Structure formats: structure tokens, C-alpha cells
N, C-alpha and C. Protein backbone atom coordinates (compact mmCIF):
# COMPACT_ATOMS: atom_id res chain seq x y z
N MET A 1 113.12 156.32 129.66
CA MET A 1 112.37 155.22 130.21
C MET A 1 111.67 154.43 129.10
N ALA A 2 111.12 155.15 128.11
CA ALA A 2 110.43 154.50 127.00
C ALA A 2 111.42 153.69 126.16
N ASN A 3 112.62 154.24 125.96
CA ASN A 3 113.64 153.51 125.20
C ASN A 3 114.03 152.21 125.89
N TYR A 4 114.10 152.24 127.20
CA TYR A 4 114.43 151.03 127.96
C TYR A 4 113.35 149.97 127.76
N ARG A 5 112.08 150.40 127.79
CA ARG A 5 110.98 149.45 127.60
C ARG A 5 111.01 148.84 126.20
N ILE A 6 111.26 149.68 125.22
CA ILE A 6 111.32 149.19 123.84
C ILE A 6 112.47 148.21 123.69
N LYS A 7 113.64 148.57 124.27
CA LYS A 7 114.78 147.66 124.19
C LYS A 7 114.46 146.35 124.88
N ARG A 8 113.81 146.42 126.02
CA ARG A 8 113.44 145.21 126.77
C ARG A 8 112.47 144.34 125.95
N ILE A 9 111.50 144.98 125.31
CA ILE A 9 110.55 144.24 124.47
C ILE A 9 111.27 143.59 123.29
N MET A 10 112.17 144.32 122.67
CA MET A 10 112.93 143.78 121.54
C MET A 10 113.81 142.61 121.97
N ASP A 11 114.46 142.74 123.12
CA ASP A 11 115.28 141.64 123.65
C ASP A 11 114.43 140.41 123.93
N ASP A 12 113.26 140.64 124.53
CA ASP A 12 112.36 139.52 124.80
C ASP A 12 111.90 138.86 123.51
N TRP A 13 111.62 139.70 122.50
CA TRP A 13 111.16 139.18 121.21
C TRP A 13 112.26 138.33 120.56
N GLU A 14 113.49 138.81 120.58
CA GLU A 14 114.61 138.06 120.00
C GLU A 14 114.81 136.74 120.75
N GLU A 15 114.67 136.78 122.07
CA GLU A 15 114.81 135.55 122.85
C GLU A 15 113.69 134.57 122.49
N PHE A 16 112.49 135.08 122.34
CA PHE A 16 111.36 134.24 121.95
C PHE A 16 111.60 133.61 120.58
N GLU A 17 112.07 134.40 119.62
CA GLU A 17 112.34 133.88 118.29
C GLU A 17 113.39 132.78 118.34
N SER A 18 114.43 132.99 119.12
CA SER A 18 115.48 131.99 119.27
C SER A 18 114.92 130.71 119.89
N TRP A 19 114.14 130.87 120.94
CA TRP A 19 113.55 129.73 121.62
C TRP A 19 112.60 128.99 120.69
N HIS A 20 111.82 129.76 119.92
CA HIS A 20 110.88 129.14 118.99
C HIS A 20 111.62 128.36 117.91
N GLY A 21 112.70 128.92 117.39
CA GLY A 21 113.51 128.21 116.40
C GLY A 21 114.08 126.91 116.94
N ASP A 22 114.57 126.97 118.18
CA ASP A 22 115.09 125.76 118.81
C ASP A 22 114.00 124.70 118.97
N LEU A 23 112.83 125.14 119.38
CA LEU A 23 111.71 124.21 119.57
C LEU A 23 111.31 123.57 118.25
N MET A 24 111.25 124.35 117.20
CA MET A 24 110.89 123.81 115.89
C MET A 24 111.93 122.80 115.41
N ALA A 25 113.21 123.09 115.64
CA ALA A 25 114.27 122.15 115.26
C ALA A 25 114.14 120.86 116.06
N TRP A 26 113.84 120.98 117.34
CA TRP A 26 113.67 119.80 118.20
C TRP A 26 112.49 118.96 117.72
N GLU A 27 111.39 119.60 117.35
CA GLU A 27 110.22 118.86 116.86
C GLU A 27 110.53 118.15 115.55
N ARG A 28 111.28 118.79 114.65
CA ARG A 28 111.68 118.12 113.40
C ARG A 28 112.56 116.91 113.70
N PHE A 29 113.47 117.06 114.66
CA PHE A 29 114.33 115.96 115.07
C PHE A 29 113.50 114.80 115.62
N GLN A 30 112.53 115.10 116.48
CA GLN A 30 111.66 114.06 117.05
C GLN A 30 110.85 113.37 115.95
N ASP A 31 110.33 114.14 115.00
CA ASP A 31 109.57 113.56 113.89
C ASP A 31 110.45 112.61 113.07
N GLU A 32 111.68 113.02 112.83
CA GLU A 32 112.60 112.17 112.07
C GLU A 32 112.90 110.88 112.83
N LEU A 33 113.10 110.98 114.14
CA LEU A 33 113.33 109.78 114.94
C LEU A 33 112.14 108.83 114.88
N GLU A 34 110.94 109.39 114.97
CA GLU A 34 109.73 108.56 114.90
C GLU A 34 109.63 107.89 113.53
N ARG A 35 109.97 108.61 112.47
CA ARG A 35 109.92 108.03 111.13
C ARG A 35 110.91 106.87 111.01
N ILE A 36 112.13 107.09 111.51
CA ILE A 36 113.15 106.04 111.46
C ILE A 36 112.73 104.85 112.30
N LYS A 37 112.21 105.12 113.48
CA LYS A 37 111.75 104.05 114.36
C LYS A 37 110.66 103.24 113.68
N GLY A 38 109.74 103.92 113.02
CA GLY A 38 108.66 103.24 112.30
C GLY A 38 109.19 102.37 111.18
N GLU A 39 110.17 102.85 110.45
CA GLU A 39 110.78 102.06 109.38
C GLU A 39 111.46 100.83 109.95
N ASN A 40 112.20 101.01 111.04
CA ASN A 40 112.90 99.89 111.65
C ASN A 40 111.91 98.87 112.20
N THR A 41 110.83 99.33 112.79
CA THR A 41 109.82 98.42 113.31
C THR A 41 109.20 97.63 112.18
N TYR A 42 108.94 98.29 111.06
CA TYR A 42 108.36 97.64 109.89
C TYR A 42 109.32 96.58 109.35
N GLU A 43 110.62 96.93 109.25
CA GLU A 43 111.61 95.98 108.77
C GLU A 43 111.77 94.81 109.74
N ASP A 44 111.77 95.09 111.04
CA ASP A 44 111.89 94.03 112.04
C ASP A 44 110.70 93.08 111.96
N LEU A 45 109.52 93.62 111.71
CA LEU A 45 108.32 92.79 111.61
C LEU A 45 108.46 91.84 110.42
N HIS A 46 108.94 92.35 109.29
CA HIS A 46 109.12 91.49 108.12
C HIS A 46 110.19 90.43 108.39
N ASP A 47 111.29 90.81 109.03
CA ASP A 47 112.32 89.84 109.37
C ASP A 47 111.76 88.76 110.27
N PHE A 48 110.96 89.15 111.26
CA PHE A 48 110.35 88.21 112.18
C PHE A 48 109.41 87.27 111.44
N GLU A 49 108.58 87.83 110.54
CA GLU A 49 107.65 87.01 109.77
C GLU A 49 108.41 86.03 108.88
N ASP A 50 109.49 86.48 108.24
CA ASP A 50 110.29 85.60 107.39
C ASP A 50 110.89 84.46 108.20
N LYS A 51 111.45 84.77 109.38
CA LYS A 51 112.04 83.74 110.22
C LYS A 51 110.99 82.77 110.73
N SER A 52 109.83 83.32 111.09
CA SER A 52 108.74 82.49 111.60
C SER A 52 108.27 81.53 110.52
N LEU A 53 108.09 82.02 109.30
CA LEU A 53 107.68 81.17 108.20
C LEU A 53 108.73 80.11 107.91
N SER A 54 109.99 80.51 107.93
CA SER A 54 111.08 79.57 107.69
C SER A 54 111.08 78.46 108.74
N LEU A 55 110.90 78.82 109.99
CA LEU A 55 110.87 77.82 111.06
C LEU A 55 109.66 76.90 110.91
N GLN A 56 108.52 77.44 110.51
CA GLN A 56 107.34 76.61 110.30
C GLN A 56 107.59 75.61 109.19
N GLN A 57 108.23 76.04 108.11
CA GLN A 57 108.51 75.14 107.00
C GLN A 57 109.47 74.05 107.43
N GLU A 58 110.49 74.41 108.22
CA GLU A 58 111.43 73.41 108.71
C GLU A 58 110.72 72.40 109.61
N THR A 59 109.83 72.88 110.46
CA THR A 59 109.12 72.01 111.38
C THR A 59 108.26 71.02 110.62
N PHE A 60 107.60 71.46 109.55
CA PHE A 60 106.74 70.57 108.79
C PHE A 60 107.53 69.62 107.91
N THR A 61 108.69 69.99 107.45
CA THR A 61 109.45 69.13 106.55
C THR A 61 110.32 68.14 107.30
N GLN A 62 110.71 68.43 108.53
CA GLN A 62 111.56 67.50 109.26
C GLN A 62 110.90 66.15 109.51
N PRO A 63 109.65 66.08 109.97
CA PRO A 63 109.04 64.77 110.17
C PRO A 63 108.95 63.99 108.87
N ASP A 64 108.66 64.67 107.75
CA ASP A 64 108.62 63.99 106.46
C ASP A 64 109.98 63.41 106.12
N ALA A 65 111.03 64.17 106.35
CA ALA A 65 112.38 63.69 106.05
C ALA A 65 112.73 62.52 106.96
N GLU A 66 112.36 62.60 108.22
CA GLU A 66 112.66 61.51 109.14
C GLU A 66 111.91 60.25 108.74
N ARG A 67 110.67 60.38 108.26
CA ARG A 67 109.91 59.21 107.82
C ARG A 67 110.57 58.57 106.60
N CYS A 68 111.15 59.40 105.72
CA CYS A 68 111.81 58.87 104.53
C CYS A 68 113.07 58.12 104.93
N ASN A 69 113.79 58.63 105.91
CA ASN A 69 115.04 58.02 106.34
C ASN A 69 114.80 56.81 107.24
N ASN A 70 113.70 56.81 107.97
CA ASN A 70 113.36 55.72 108.89
C ASN A 70 111.94 55.25 108.61
N PRO A 71 111.77 54.50 107.54
CA PRO A 71 110.41 54.06 107.20
C PRO A 71 109.85 53.15 108.32
N VAL A 72 108.59 53.31 108.57
CA VAL A 72 107.93 52.48 109.57
C VAL A 72 107.59 51.15 108.92
N GLU A 73 107.96 50.08 109.60
CA GLU A 73 107.66 48.74 109.05
C GLU A 73 106.20 48.42 109.27
N GLN A 74 105.57 47.95 108.23
CA GLN A 74 104.16 47.59 108.33
C GLN A 74 103.98 46.12 108.16
């Protein structure tokens, strides 16, 4: 009877170790995904800022160009 209990405890312990290892691997995977997501978000923000700045520059230069091409008669 004692041997059965010891075997049962050992089996439970091995199962726990396996489960714990799987959980740790899953947490590392989630951390890596969060890191990648953060990098992509950072890159997307810079791309958005670059495009926004570019559009602002185009908006400000177009009226100047139109005035040069179509001078207002005074």
C-alpha cells in the first residue's frame, strides 16, 4: 500500500513538472509575442509620423506652387 502511494506521489510530481515546463514555455512565447508586437507598434508609429509629416509638407507647399504657377493680378 505504501509503495502505491509513493508511486502515485511520484507520478503526480512528474505530471506537475511537465505541466510547469509547458507553462513556462507558454509564458516565454507570450513574452516574445509582446516584445515583437511592441517593436511593430513602435515602427508603425514612426511610419505614421513620417507619412503625416510628409503630407503636411505637401499641403503647405502646394498652395505656394499654385501661386507661382497662377500669379494673382494686382
